[in-house]
Amino acid sequence: GGLVQAGGSLRLSCAASGRTFSNHAMGWFRQAPGKEREFVGSI
């Protein structure tokens, strides 16, 4: 995460630990101040 100008790009990474990682569905969610949690994507 970080600060970027509109129109720019950013790449987030999620490092997982656990013996069953490959058996889990994964997702990204986001929440802005004062807003509800929002679904971003899943795999």
PDB file of all heavy atoms in Angstrom:
ATOM      1  N   GLY A   1       0.818  -1.195   0.000  1.00  0.00           N
ATOM      2  CA  GLY A   1       0.000   0.000   0.000  1.00  0.00           C
ATOM      3  C   GLY A   1       0.858   1.252   0.000  1.00  0.00           C
ATOM      4  O   GLY A   1       2.057   1.206   0.251  1.00  0.00           O
ATOM      5  N   GLY A   2       0.224   2.379  -0.282  1.00  0.00           N
ATOM      6  CA  GLY A   2       0.942   3.631  -0.301  1.00  0.00           C
ATOM      7  C   GLY A   2       0.134   4.734  -0.943  1.00  0.00           C
ATOM      8  O   GLY A   2      -1.076   4.617  -1.121  1.00  0.00           O
ATOM      9  N   LEU A   3       0.819   5.811  -1.286  1.00  0.00           N
ATOM     10  CA  LEU A   3       0.200   6.973  -1.908  1.00  0.00           C
ATOM     11  C   LEU A   3       0.509   6.984  -3.395  1.00  0.00           C
ATOM     12  O   LEU A   3       1.660   6.828  -3.802  1.00  0.00           O
ATOM     13  CB  LEU A   3       0.717   8.257  -1.258  1.00  0.00           C
ATOM     14  CG  LEU A   3       0.251   9.579  -1.858  1.00  0.00           C
ATOM     15  CD1 LEU A   3      -1.257   9.733  -1.674  1.00  0.00           C
ATOM     16  CD2 LEU A   3       0.994  10.732  -1.204  1.00  0.00           C
ATOM     17  N   VAL A   4      -0.524   7.177  -4.201  1.00  0.00           N
ATOM     18  CA  VAL A   4      -0.354   7.203  -5.649  1.00  0.00           C
ATOM     19  C   VAL A   4      -1.307   8.225  -6.247  1.00  0.00           C
ATOM     20  O   VAL A   4      -2.387   8.484  -5.706  1.00  0.00           O
ATOM     21  CB  VAL A   4      -0.602   5.802  -6.251  1.00  0.00           C
ATOM     22  CG1 VAL A   4      -2.045   5.365  -6.024  1.00  0.00           C
ATOM     23  CG2 VAL A   4      -0.260   5.773  -7.732  1.00  0.00           C
ATOM     24  N   GLN A   5      -0.916   8.823  -7.355  1.00  0.00           N
ATOM     25  CA  GLN A   5      -1.766   9.794  -8.024  1.00  0.00           C
ATOM     26  C   GLN A   5      -2.840   9.099  -8.841  1.00  0.00           C
ATOM     27  O   GLN A   5      -2.670   7.967  -9.282  1.00  0.00           O
ATOM     28  CB  GLN A   5      -0.939  10.689  -8.949  1.00  0.00           C
ATOM     29  CG  GLN A   5       0.043  11.591  -8.251  1.00  0.00           C
ATOM     30  CD  GLN A   5       0.719  12.537  -9.214  1.00  0.00           C
ATOM     31  OE1 GLN A   5       0.139  13.561  -9.594  1.00  0.00           O
ATOM     32  NE2 GLN A   5       1.925  12.203  -9.613  1.00  0.00           N
ATOM     33  N   ALA A   6      -3.946   9.779  -9.040  1.00  0.00           N
ATOM     34  CA  ALA A   6      -5.023   9.240  -9.858  1.00  0.00           C
ATOM     35  C   ALA A   6      -4.488   8.859 -11.234  1.00  0.00           C
ATOM     36  O   ALA A   6      -3.699   9.588 -11.830  1.00  0.00           O
ATOM     37  CB  ALA A   6      -6.144  10.259  -9.996  1.00  0.00           C
ATOM     38  N   GLY A   7      -4.911   7.695 -11.711  1.00  0.00           N
ATOM     39  CA  GLY A   7      -4.447   7.202 -12.989  1.00  0.00           C
ATOM     40  C   GLY A   7      -3.236   6.298 -12.880  1.00  0.00           C
ATOM     41  O   GLY A   7      -2.869   5.622 -13.844  1.00  0.00           O
ATOM     42  N   GLY A   8      -2.638   6.262 -11.712  1.00  0.00           N
ATOM     43  CA  GLY A   8      -1.462   5.445 -11.493  1.00  0.00           C
ATOM     44  C   GLY A   8      -1.801   4.009 -11.150  1.00  0.00           C
ATOM     45  O   GLY A   8      -2.964   3.609 -11.148  1.00  0.00           O
ATOM     46  N   SER A   9      -0.766   3.247 -10.842  1.00  0.00           N
ATOM     47  CA  SER A   9      -0.929   1.832 -10.533  1.00  0.00           C
ATOM     48  C   SER A   9      -0.250   1.476  -9.225  1.00  0.00           C
ATOM     49  O   SER A   9       0.685   2.136  -8.783  1.00  0.00           O
ATOM     50  CB  SER A   9      -0.344   0.963 -11.653  1.00  0.00           C
ATOM     51  OG  SER A   9      -0.999   1.186 -12.881  1.00  0.00           O
ATOM     52  N   LEU A  10      -0.727   0.409  -8.633  1.00  0.00           N
ATOM     53  CA  LEU A  10      -0.172  -0.088  -7.392  1.00  0.00           C
ATOM     54  C   LEU A  10      -0.422  -1.587  -7.340  1.00  0.00           C
ATOM     55  O   LEU A  10      -1.453  -2.060  -7.833  1.00  0.00           O
ATOM     56  CB  LEU A  10      -0.833   0.603  -6.207  1.00  0.00           C
ATOM     57  CG  LEU A  10      -0.050   0.749  -4.899  1.00  0.00           C
ATOM     58  CD1 LEU A  10       1.233   1.532  -5.128  1.00  0.00           C
ATOM     59  CD2 LEU A  10      -0.913   1.454  -3.861  1.00  0.00           C
ATOM     60  N   ARG A  11       0.501  -2.318  -6.765  1.00  0.00           N
ATOM     61  CA  ARG A  11       0.347  -3.758  -6.643  1.00  0.00           C
ATOM     62  C   ARG A  11       0.425  -4.155  -5.179  1.00  0.00           C
ATOM     63  O   ARG A  11       1.432  -3.914  -4.512  1.00  0.00           O
ATOM     64  CB  ARG A  11       1.434  -4.487  -7.433  1.00  0.00           C
ATOM     65  CG  ARG A  11       1.250  -6.005  -7.478  1.00  0.00           C
ATOM     66  CD  ARG A  11       2.334  -6.671  -8.323  1.00  0.00           C
ATOM     67  NE  ARG A  11       2.163  -8.111  -8.429  1.00  0.00           N
ATOM     68  CZ  ARG A  11       1.411  -8.729  -9.316  1.00  0.00           C
ATOM     69  NH1 ARG A  11       0.738  -8.012 -10.223  1.00  0.00           N
ATOM     70  NH2 ARG A  11       1.312 -10.043  -9.334  1.00  0.00           N
ATOM     71  N   LEU A  12      -0.635  -4.771  -4.692  1.00  0.00           N
ATOM     72  CA  LEU A  12      -0.684  -5.247  -3.327  1.00  0.00           C
ATOM     73  C   LEU A  12      -0.353  -6.729  -3.277  1.00  0.00           C
ATOM     74  O   LEU A  12      -0.627  -7.472  -4.220  1.00  0.00           O
ATOM     75  CB  LEU A  12      -2.072  -5.027  -2.720  1.00  0.00           C
ATOM     76  CG  LEU A  12      -2.632  -3.609  -2.745  1.00  0.00           C
ATOM     77  CD1 LEU A  12      -3.977  -3.577  -2.036  1.00  0.00           C
ATOM     78  CD2 LEU A  12      -1.660  -2.627  -2.107  1.00  0.00           C
ATOM     79  N   SER A  13       0.227  -7.144  -2.179  1.00  0.00           N
ATOM     80  CA  SER A  13       0.577  -8.541  -2.009  1.00  0.00           C
ATOM     81  C   SER A  13       0.078  -9.027  -0.659  1.00  0.00           C
ATOM     82  O   SER A  13       0.063  -8.280   0.317  1.00  0.00           O
ATOM     83  CB  SER A  13       2.092  -8.733  -2.106  1.00  0.00           C
ATOM     84  OG  SER A  13       2.443 -10.092  -1.944  1.00  0.00           O
ATOM     85  N   CYS A  14      -0.334 -10.266  -0.616  1.00  0.00           N
ATOM     86  CA  CYS A  14      -0.788 -10.897   0.610  1.00  0.00           C
ATOM     87  C   CYS A  14       0.014 -12.165   0.812  1.00  0.00           C
ATOM     88  O   CYS A  14      -0.063 -13.093  -0.004  1.00  0.00           O
ATOM     89  CB  CYS A  14      -2.284 -11.214   0.526  1.00  0.00           C
ATOM     90  SG  CYS A  14      -2.938 -12.131   1.938  1.00  0.00           S
ATOM     91  N   ALA A  15       0.791 -12.192   1.869  1.00  0.00           N
ATOM     92  CA  ALA A  15       1.593 -13.360   2.192  1.00  0.00           C
ATOM     93  C   ALA A  15       0.838 -14.214   3.196  1.00  0.00           C
ATOM     94  O   ALA A  15       0.385 -13.719   4.225  1.00  0.00           O
ATOM     95  CB  ALA A  15       2.940 -12.940   2.756  1.00  0.00           C
ATOM     96  N   ALA A  16       0.696 -15.477   2.890  1.00  0.00           N
ATOM     97  CA  ALA A  16      -0.053 -16.387   3.742  1.00  0.00           C
ATOM     98  C   ALA A  16       0.837 -17.471   4.322  1.00  0.00           C
ATOM     99  O   ALA A  16       1.790 -17.924   3.682  1.00  0.00           O
ATOM    100  CB  ALA A  16      -1.193 -17.034   2.964  1.00  0.00           C
ATOM    101  N   SER A  17       0.519 -17.864   5.514  1.00  0.00           N
ATOM    102  CA  SER A  17       1.218 -18.965   6.151  1.00  0.00           C
ATOM    103  C   SER A  17       0.180 -19.967   6.641  1.00  0.00           C
ATOM    104  O   SER A  17      -0.902 -19.589   7.087  1.00  0.00           O
ATOM    105  CB  SER A  17       2.083 -18.481   7.312  1.00  0.00           C
ATOM    106  OG  SER A  17       1.300 -17.874   8.323  1.00  0.00           O
ATOM    107  N   GLY A  18       0.516 -21.221   6.536  1.00  0.00           N
ATOM    108  CA  GLY A  18      -0.414 -22.252   6.926  1.00  0.00           C
ATOM    109  C   GLY A  18      -0.352 -23.415   5.958  1.00  0.00           C
ATOM    110  O   GLY A  18      -0.182 -23.208   4.755  1.00  0.00           O
ATOM    111  N   ARG A  19      -0.514 -24.577   6.476  1.00  0.00           N
ATOM    112  CA  ARG A  19      -0.373 -25.775   5.659  1.00  0.00           C
ATOM    113  C   ARG A  19      -1.474 -25.962   4.631  1.00  0.00           C
ATOM    114  O   ARG A  19      -1.283 -26.685   3.653  1.00  0.00           O
ATOM    115  CB  ARG A  19      -0.313 -27.002   6.578  1.00  0.00           C
ATOM    116  CG  ARG A  19       0.940 -27.091   7.432  1.00  0.00           C
ATOM    117  CD  ARG A  19       0.838 -28.206   8.443  1.00  0.00           C
ATOM    118  NE  ARG A  19      -0.161 -27.904   9.473  1.00  0.00           N
ATOM    119  CZ  ARG A  19      -0.478 -28.719  10.467  1.00  0.00           C
ATOM    120  NH1 ARG A  19       0.124 -29.899  10.570  1.00  0.00           N
ATOM    121  NH2 ARG A  19      -1.382 -28.368  11.359  1.00  0.00           N
ATOM    122  N   THR A  20      -2.619 -25.300   4.824  1.00  0.00           N
ATOM    123  CA  THR A  20      -3.754 -25.482   3.921  1.00  0.00           C
ATOM    124  C   THR A  20      -4.026 -24.288   3.020  1.00  0.00           C
ATOM    125  O   THR A  20      -5.120 -24.160   2.481  1.00  0.00           O
ATOM    126  CB  THR A  20      -5.032 -25.802   4.719  1.00  0.00           C
ATOM    127  OG1 THR A  20      -5.329 -24.722   5.610  1.00  0.00           O
ATOM    128  CG2 THR A  20      -4.854 -27.080   5.519  1.00  0.00           C
ATOM    129  N   PHE A  21      -3.040 -23.422   2.840  1.00  0.00           N
ATOM    130  CA  PHE A  21      -3.238 -22.228   2.029  1.00  0.00           C
ATOM    131  C   PHE A  21      -3.801 -22.533   0.649  1.00  0.00           C
ATOM    132  O   PHE A  21      -4.740 -21.885   0.184  1.00  0.00           O
ATOM    133  CB  PHE A  21      -1.923 -21.459   1.881  1.00  0.00           C
ATOM    134  CG  PHE A  21      -1.990 -20.362   0.872  1.00  0.00           C
ATOM    135  CD1 PHE A  21      -2.612 -19.164   1.172  1.00  0.00           C
ATOM    136  CD2 PHE A  21      -1.436 -20.526  -0.398  1.00  0.00           C
ATOM    137  CE1 PHE A  21      -2.684 -18.138   0.240  1.00  0.00           C
ATOM    138  CE2 PHE A  21      -1.505 -19.505  -1.339  1.00  0.00           C
ATOM    139  CZ  PHE A  21      -2.130 -18.316  -1.018  1.00  0.00           C
ATOM    140  N   SER A  22      -3.241 -23.498  -0.029  1.00  0.00           N
ATOM    141  CA  SER A  22      -3.644 -23.803  -1.398  1.00  0.00           C
ATOM    142  C   SER A  22      -5.073 -24.317  -1.500  1.00  0.00           C
ATOM    143  O   SER A  22      -5.634 -24.350  -2.596  1.00  0.00           O
ATOM    144  CB  SER A  22      -2.682 -24.813  -2.030  1.00  0.00           C
ATOM    145  OG  SER A  22      -2.712 -26.050  -1.332  1.00  0.00           O
ATOM    146  N   ASN A  23      -5.669 -24.701  -0.402  1.00  0.00           N
ATOM    147  CA  ASN A  23      -7.039 -25.212  -0.399  1.00  0.00           C
ATOM    148  C   ASN A  23      -8.079 -24.142  -0.086  1.00  0.00           C
ATOM    149  O   ASN A  23      -9.268 -24.442  -0.008  1.00  0.00           O
ATOM    150  CB  ASN A  23      -7.180 -26.355   0.606  1.00  0.00           C
ATOM    151  CG  ASN A  23      -6.383 -27.587   0.215  1.00  0.00           C
ATOM    152  OD1 ASN A  23      -6.268 -27.904  -0.959  1.00  0.00           O
ATOM    153  ND2 ASN A  23      -5.840 -28.287   1.198  1.00  0.00           N
ATOM    154  N   HIS A  24      -7.646 -22.916   0.098  1.00  0.00           N
ATOM    155  CA  HIS A  24      -8.545 -21.836   0.458  1.00  0.00           C
ATOM    156  C   HIS A  24      -8.841 -20.892  -0.697  1.00  0.00           C
ATOM    157  O   HIS A  24      -7.974 -20.595  -1.511  1.00  0.00           O
ATOM    158  CB  HIS A  24      -7.962 -21.016   1.611  1.00  0.00           C
ATOM    159  CG  HIS A  24      -8.057 -21.677   2.946  1.00  0.00           C
ATOM    160  ND1 HIS A  24      -7.230 -22.704   3.318  1.00  0.00           N
ATOM    161  CD2 HIS A  24      -8.890 -21.451   3.994  1.00  0.00           C
ATOM    162  CE1 HIS A  24      -7.533 -23.095   4.543  1.00  0.00           C
ATOM    163  NE2 HIS A  24      -8.533 -22.342   4.977  1.00  0.00           N
ATOM    164  N   ALA A  25     -10.081 -20.431  -0.722  1.00  0.00           N
ATOM    165  CA  ALA A  25     -10.436 -19.347  -1.618  1.00  0.00           C
ATOM    166  C   ALA A  25      -9.870 -18.072  -1.004  1.00  0.00           C
ATOM    167  O   ALA A  25      -9.837 -17.931   0.220  1.00  0.00           O
ATOM    168  CB  ALA A  25     -11.951 -19.239  -1.752  1.00  0.00           C
ATOM    169  N   MET A  26      -9.428 -17.150  -1.842  1.00  0.00           N
ATOM    170  CA  MET A  26      -8.835 -15.916  -1.356  1.00  0.00           C
ATOM    171  C   MET A  26      -9.583 -14.719  -1.914  1.00  0.00           C
ATOM    172  O   MET A  26     -10.132 -14.774  -3.016  1.00  0.00           O
ATOM    173  CB  MET A  26      -7.365 -15.822  -1.764  1.00  0.00           C
ATOM    174  CG  MET A  26      -6.498 -16.976  -1.289  1.00  0.00           C
ATOM    175  SD  MET A  26      -6.330 -17.021   0.520  1.00  0.00           S
ATOM    176  CE  MET A  26      -5.480 -15.466   0.804  1.00  0.00           C
ATOM    177  N   GLY A  27      -9.584 -13.649  -1.153  1.00  0.00           N
ATOM    178  CA  GLY A  27     -10.274 -12.460  -1.612  1.00  0.00           C
ATOM    179  C   GLY A  27      -9.643 -11.186  -1.095  1.00  0.00           C
ATOM    180  O   GLY A  27      -8.855 -11.198  -0.147  1.00  0.00           O
ATOM    181  N   TRP A  28      -9.987 -10.096  -1.757  1.00  0.00           N
ATOM    182  CA  TRP A  28      -9.580  -8.768  -1.324  1.00  0.00           C
ATOM    183  C   TRP A  28     -10.828  -7.940  -1.060  1.00  0.00           C
ATOM    184  O   TRP A  28     -11.763  -7.944  -1.859  1.00  0.00           O
ATOM    185  CB  TRP A  28      -8.724  -8.061  -2.382  1.00  0.00           C
ATOM    186  CG  TRP A  28      -7.326  -8.570  -2.496  1.00  0.00           C
ATOM    187  CD1 TRP A  28      -6.856  -9.510  -3.352  1.00  0.00           C
ATOM    188  CD2 TRP A  28      -6.201  -8.127  -1.729  1.00  0.00           C
ATOM    189  NE1 TRP A  28      -5.512  -9.697  -3.173  1.00  0.00           N
ATOM    190  CE2 TRP A  28      -5.081  -8.861  -2.182  1.00  0.00           C
ATOM    191  CE3 TRP A  28      -6.033  -7.192  -0.711  1.00  0.00           C
ATOM    192  CZ2 TRP A  28      -3.807  -8.683  -1.646  1.00  0.00           C
ATOM    193  CZ3 TRP A  28      -4.770  -7.017  -0.173  1.00  0.00           C
ATOM    194  CH2 TRP A  28      -3.678  -7.754  -0.637  1.00  0.00           C
ATOM    195  N   PHE A  29     -10.822  -7.246   0.053  1.00  0.00           N
ATOM    196  CA  PHE A  29     -11.889  -6.337   0.420  1.00  0.00           C
ATOM    197  C   PHE A  29     -11.261  -5.001   0.775  1.00  0.00           C
ATOM    198  O   PHE A  29     -10.067  -4.921   1.035  1.00  0.00           O
ATOM    199  CB  PHE A  29     -12.677  -6.872   1.621  1.00  0.00           C
ATOM    200  CG  PHE A  29     -13.451  -8.127   1.348  1.00  0.00           C
ATOM    201  CD1 PHE A  29     -12.815  -9.361   1.308  1.00  0.00           C
ATOM    202  CD2 PHE A  29     -14.824  -8.084   1.119  1.00  0.00           C
ATOM    203  CE1 PHE A  29     -13.518 -10.527   1.056  1.00  0.00           C
ATOM    204  CE2 PHE A  29     -15.545  -9.241   0.871  1.00  0.00           C
ATOM    205  CZ  PHE A  29     -14.893 -10.462   0.833  1.00  0.00           C
ATOM    206  N   ARG A  30     -12.070  -3.971   0.786  1.00  0.00           N
ATOM    207  CA  ARG A  30     -11.555  -2.661   1.175  1.00  0.00           C
ATOM    208  C   ARG A  30     -12.602  -1.911   1.981  1.00  0.00           C
ATOM    209  O   ARG A  30     -13.799  -2.150   1.854  1.00  0.00           O
ATOM    210  CB  ARG A  30     -11.146  -1.839  -0.051  1.00  0.00           C
ATOM    211  CG  ARG A  30     -12.299  -1.447  -0.967  1.00  0.00           C
ATOM    212  CD  ARG A  30     -11.765  -0.774  -2.217  1.00  0.00           C
ATOM    213  NE  ARG A  30     -12.837  -0.299  -3.086  1.00  0.00           N
ATOM    214  CZ  ARG A  30     -12.640   0.228  -4.286  1.00  0.00           C
ATOM    215  NH1 ARG A  30     -11.407   0.347  -4.767  1.00  0.00           N
ATOM    216  NH2 ARG A  30     -13.688   0.641  -5.008  1.00  0.00           N
ATOM    217  N   GLN A  31     -12.125  -0.998   2.803  1.00  0.00           N
ATOM    218  CA  GLN A  31     -13.023  -0.202   3.612  1.00  0.00           C
ATOM    219  C   GLN A  31     -12.472   1.211   3.757  1.00  0.00           C
ATOM    220  O   GLN A  31     -11.365   1.406   4.248  1.00  0.00           O
ATOM    221  CB  GLN A  31     -13.227  -0.832   4.988  1.00  0.00           C
ATOM    222  CG  GLN A  31     -14.279  -0.128   5.827  1.00  0.00           C
ATOM    223  CD  GLN A  31     -14.697  -0.947   7.032  1.00  0.00           C
ATOM    224  OE1 GLN A  31     -13.938  -1.786   7.524  1.00  0.00           O
ATOM    225  NE2 GLN A  31     -15.913  -0.725   7.506  1.00  0.00           N
ATOM    226  N   ALA A  32     -13.255   2.171   3.319  1.00  0.00           N
ATOM    227  CA  ALA A  32     -12.893   3.569   3.453  1.00  0.00           C
ATOM    228  C   ALA A  32     -13.492   4.111   4.746  1.00  0.00           C
ATOM    229  O   ALA A  32     -14.486   3.580   5.244  1.00  0.00           O
ATOM    230  CB  ALA A  32     -13.418   4.368   2.258  1.00  0.00           C
ATOM    231  N   PRO A  33     -12.902   5.158   5.309  1.00  0.00           N
ATOM    232  CA  PRO A  33     -13.427   5.730   6.551  1.00  0.00           C
ATOM    233  C   PRO A  33     -14.902   6.091   6.429  1.00  0.00           C
ATOM    234  O   PRO A  33     -15.303   6.774   5.487  1.00  0.00           O
ATOM    235  CB  PRO A  33     -12.569   6.974   6.754  1.00  0.00           C
ATOM    236  CG  PRO A  33     -11.277   6.637   6.085  1.00  0.00           C
ATOM    237  CD  PRO A  33     -11.696   5.856   4.861  1.00  0.00           C
ATOM    238  N   GLY A  34     -15.705   5.617   7.372  1.00  0.00           N
ATOM    239  CA  GLY A  34     -17.122   5.923   7.367  1.00  0.00           C
ATOM    240  C   GLY A  34     -17.937   5.156   6.347  1.00  0.00           C
ATOM    241  O   GLY A  34     -19.139   5.395   6.216  1.00  0.00           O
ATOM    242  N   LYS A  35     -17.307   4.240   5.627  1.00  0.00           N
ATOM    243  CA  LYS A  35     -18.004   3.469   4.604  1.00  0.00           C
ATOM    244  C   LYS A  35     -18.043   1.989   4.964  1.00  0.00           C
ATOM    245  O   LYS A  35     -17.262   1.510   5.783  1.00  0.00           O
ATOM    246  CB  LYS A  35     -17.335   3.648   3.244  1.00  0.00           C
ATOM    247  CG  LYS A  35     -17.291   5.087   2.750  1.00  0.00           C
ATOM    248  CD  LYS A  35     -18.688   5.601   2.470  1.00  0.00           C
ATOM    249  CE  LYS A  35     -18.645   7.025   1.935  1.00  0.00           C
ATOM    250  NZ  LYS A  35     -17.936   7.103   0.619  1.00  0.00           N
ATOM    251  N   GLU A  36     -18.956   1.271   4.319  1.00  0.00           N
ATOM    252  CA  GLU A  36     -19.062  -0.160   4.533  1.00  0.00           C
ATOM    253  C   GLU A  36     -17.934  -0.890   3.830  1.00  0.00           C
ATOM    254  O   GLU A  36     -17.363  -0.401   2.861  1.00  0.00           O
ATOM    255  CB  GLU A  36     -20.401  -0.679   3.999  1.00  0.00           C
ATOM    256  CG  GLU A  36     -21.625  -0.132   4.704  1.00  0.00           C
ATOM    257  CD  GLU A  36     -22.919  -0.696   4.143  1.00  0.00           C
ATOM    258  OE1 GLU A  36     -22.891  -1.237   3.025  1.00  0.00           O
ATOM    259  OE2 GLU A  36     -23.941  -0.604   4.823  1.00  0.00           O
ATOM    260  N   ARG A  37     -17.621  -2.062   4.337  1.00  0.00           N
ATOM    261  CA  ARG A  37     -16.621  -2.895   3.690  1.00  0.00           C
ATOM    262  C   ARG A  37     -17.118  -3.288   2.310  1.00  0.00           C
ATOM    263  O   ARG A  37     -18.283  -3.656   2.133  1.00  0.00           O
ATOM    264  CB  ARG A  37     -16.353  -4.144   4.532  1.00  0.00           C
ATOM    265  CG  ARG A  37     -15.225  -5.018   3.994  1.00  0.00           C
ATOM    266  CD  ARG A  37     -15.043  -6.245   4.853  1.00  0.00           C
ATOM    267  NE  ARG A  37     -16.222  -7.094   4.816  1.00  0.00           N
ATOM    268  CZ  ARG A  37     -16.370  -8.188   5.549  1.00  0.00           C
ATOM    269  NH1 ARG A  37     -15.423  -8.545   6.402  1.00  0.00           N
ATOM    270  NH2 ARG A  37     -17.472  -8.914   5.444  1.00  0.00           N
ATOM    271  N   GLU A  38     -16.244  -3.223   1.325  1.00  0.00           N
ATOM    272  CA  GLU A  38     -16.613  -3.480  -0.055  1.00  0.00           C
ATOM    273  C   GLU A  38     -15.800  -4.630  -0.639  1.00  0.00           C
ATOM    274  O   GLU A  38     -14.591  -4.715  -0.448  1.00  0.00           O
ATOM    275  CB  GLU A  38     -16.402  -2.220  -0.900  1.00  0.00           C
ATOM    276  CG  GLU A  38     -16.721  -2.382  -2.376  1.00  0.00           C
ATOM    277  CD  GLU A  38     -16.395  -1.153  -3.187  1.00  0.00           C
ATOM    278  OE1 GLU A  38     -15.611  -0.304  -2.696  1.00  0.00           O
ATOM    279  OE2 GLU A  38     -16.920  -1.015  -4.305  1.00  0.00           O
ATOM    280  N   PHE A  39     -16.473  -5.482  -1.363  1.00  0.00           N
ATOM    281  CA  PHE A  39     -15.812  -6.589  -2.041  1.00  0.00           C
ATOM    282  C   PHE A  39     -15.029  -6.071  -3.239  1.00  0.00           C
ATOM    283  O   PHE A  39     -15.539  -5.297  -4.048  1.00  0.00           O
ATOM    284  CB  PHE A  39     -16.854  -7.614  -2.500  1.00  0.00           C
ATOM    285  CG  PHE A  39     -16.301  -8.680  -3.406  1.00  0.00           C
ATOM    286  CD1 PHE A  39     -15.476  -9.676  -2.908  1.00  0.00           C
ATOM    287  CD2 PHE A  39     -16.620  -8.696  -4.758  1.00  0.00           C
ATOM    288  CE1 PHE A  39     -14.969 -10.665  -3.734  1.00  0.00           C
ATOM    289  CE2 PHE A  39     -16.125  -9.684  -5.594  1.00  0.00           C
ATOM    290  CZ  PHE A  39     -15.297 -10.666  -5.076  1.00  0.00           C
ATOM    291  N   VAL A  40     -13.793  -6.502  -3.361  1.00  0.00           N
ATOM    292  CA  VAL A  40     -12.939  -6.081  -4.466  1.00  0.00           C
ATOM    293  C   VAL A  40     -12.746  -7.209  -5.472  1.00  0.00           C
ATOM    294  O   VAL A  40     -12.956  -7.033  -6.670  1.00  0.00           O
ATOM    295  CB  VAL A  40     -11.567  -5.605  -3.956  1.00  0.00           C
ATOM    296  CG1 VAL A  40     -10.640  -5.286  -5.125  1.00  0.00           C
ATOM    297  CG2 VAL A  40     -11.731  -4.388  -3.055  1.00  0.00           C
ATOM    298  N   GLY A  41     -12.343  -8.364  -4.992  1.00  0.00           N
ATOM    299  CA  GLY A  41     -12.122  -9.486  -5.885  1.00  0.00           C
ATOM    300  C   GLY A  41     -11.877 -10.769  -5.118  1.00  0.00           C
ATOM    301  O   GLY A  41     -11.560 -10.750  -3.934  1.00  0.00           O
ATOM    302  N   SER A  42     -12.023 -11.888  -5.799  1.00  0.00           N
ATOM    303  CA  SER A  42     -11.775 -13.182  -5.187  1.00  0.00           C
ATOM    304  C   SER A  42     -11.177 -14.122  -6.216  1.00  0.00           C
ATOM    305  O   SER A  42     -11.286 -13.901  -7.429  1.00  0.00           O
ATOM    306  CB  SER A  42     -13.053 -13.780  -4.598  1.00  0.00           C
ATOM    307  OG  SER A  42     -13.992 -14.083  -5.622  1.00  0.00           O
ATOM    308  N   ILE A  43     -10.559 -15.170  -5.727  1.00  0.00           N
ATOM    309  CA  ILE A  43      -9.955 -16.162  -6.596  1.00  0.00           C
ATOM    310  C   ILE A  43     -10.089 -17.524  -5.938  1.00  0.00           C
ATOM    311  O   ILE A  43      -9.914 -17.670  -4.729  1.00  0.00           O
ATOM    312  CB  ILE A  43      -8.476 -15.810  -6.891  1.00  0.00           C
ATOM    313  CG1 ILE A  43      -7.883 -16.766  -7.927  1.00  0.00           C
ATOM    314  CG2 ILE A  43      -7.648 -15.815  -5.602  1.00  0.00           C
ATOM    315  CD1 ILE A  43      -6.545 -16.274  -8.481  1.00  0.00           C
TER     316      ILE A  43
END
